[in-house]
Amino acid sequence: MEYDQKNKLRTFLTGFSVAWGIFMLIVLLGAGNGLANGIAYNFRDIAENTVYTWTRYTTLPYKGMQPNRRIEFTEKDYYAIPREHPEVALISGANYHNDTISVDKEYVTSDIVAVHPDYAMIDYVIVKSGYGRFINQLDMKNRRKVIVISPRMGEILFRDTDPLGEYVKIGNLMFQVVGVYDDPNNKNNAPAYIPFTTGQLLYDNGYSMHNIMFTLQGINTEEESEAFYERFRQRMAKRHQFDPADRNAIGMWDTGQNFRMLRGMTNGISLFIWIIGIGTLMAGIVGVSNIMLITVRERTKEFGIQKAIGAKPSSILGLIIIESVLVTAVFGYIGMVAGIGLTEVINYGMEMAEASNGGANGSEESVFRNPTVNMTIAISATLLIILQVF
C-alpha cells in the first residue's frame, strides 16, 4: 500500500511537471505573440519602407548664399526623385490646407490634403467596394474639384443620405464627393483628400509642394538605407543649392528604420521566450526520465518474476515505455488545453473590452493584442515531450 501511494504521488508530480512545462511554454509564447501583434497593429497604417521628406531652413552657407534660406519642394522634385533613384516604387506629394467643409447648415473643420493617386497605397487609405474611389489620374490631369471624405464627415454632413455624388462646399467652391475611405476608428479629426493639382492651384499658387513621400524596394539593411540617404541628399542639395552636409535643410523619416528596430526587438523577445519555454520542457523531460529510472529500480523483483515465467525483455521495456508515454501524453494534453484556454480567455476579454469602449473614440492602439498561440506549435511542443521517452 505504501509503495502504491508513493508511486502514485511520484507519477502525479512527474505528470504535473510535464503539464506545467507545456502550460508555461504556451503562455509565454502567447505573451510574446501578443506583444508582437500589438506593435504590428499600431503600425498597420504605415508602409514598411516609406520615406517621408519635408522642407526646412538651411543652417550652413553655400556658394556665397547665406544660411536660414527656406528650401521649397516643387514638381521638379516629384518627377526627378524616381528618375534619379530606381529604388523608389510609389511616390506622392502632399499639401495641407485647413478649412471648413459644409453642406447647408452642417459643417466640419478639417485638414484637406492634396495628394497624388499613389498616396492611397503609401498611407493605406482604403476605399472599400461600394464606397466610391480614391483620387485618380484623370482627376489630376483635369484638376477636378472632387473630394474623398472620412466616414465621420459623411455622418455629420449628410446624416442618413449616401454622400457619393453629392457636393460639399469648401470656402466658396463646390467639390463632388467621389469616395468615402475606410476608418475603423471613426476619428473626428480624420482628413479629407483632393487631387494634388487642384489643391496646389487653389491654395499654393500652383507651385510649392509641402511634403514628398515615397516607398522603397530593395532596401533591407541599415547600410543600404544610409547609402540611399546620402545619394538622396546629394541630389537634392545639387537641385536646391545647399550644402549636402547641412542635415537641417530637408527633414527625412524612414519607417524602415523603425520596422527593423521593432523586428529585432520582437525577435529578441521571441528568442528569450523560447529559451525559457524549452527550459521548462527540459525540466519535464528530466522528470519523465527520472520516473522511468525509479520505476525500473523499485520494480526489479517484479520484472525478475516476469522474466522467470517467460516474459521477454522487450515486453518489459515496452510496458515501461507505454506507462511513461501514457503519463506524458495525458498530462501534456492537460497542460496544452490549459495554456490554450488561458490565452483564448485573455484574448476574448481584450476583444470585449475593445468592443465596448474602443472603436467609437478611435483609441485602439495597444502594445498587447491577440495573445494566442498557433495550434501547430502547441501540438508540436506536446509531441516533442512525448517522443523523448523513445
Foldseek 3Di string as FASTA:
>chain_A
DVVVVVLVVLLVVLLQLLLVLLLLLFQLLLQLVQLLVLVCVVCVQADQWKKKKFFFWFDDAFPPRDTRDTFFDWVVCVVVVCVLDVQFDAKKFKDWDWFWKADVPFIAIAIEIAMAPSVCVRRVFAFDPPFFDDDYPVCQVVVAQAKEEEVLCCCGHVNPDRQAQPWIDTPNDIYHYGGYTDDQQSASHDYMYGHNQNCCVPPVVSTTTGMMMTGGPPQQDPVSVVVVLLSVLVVSCVVRVDDSVRQRRMDMDTSNVVVVVSVVVSVVSSVVSVVVSVVSLVVSLVSLVVSLVVVCVVCVVVVVVVVVVPDDPVVVVVVSLVVSLVSLLVSLVVSLCSNQVVLVVVQVVVVVVCVVPNRHHSPPRDSGHSSGDDPVVSVVSSVVSSVSSD
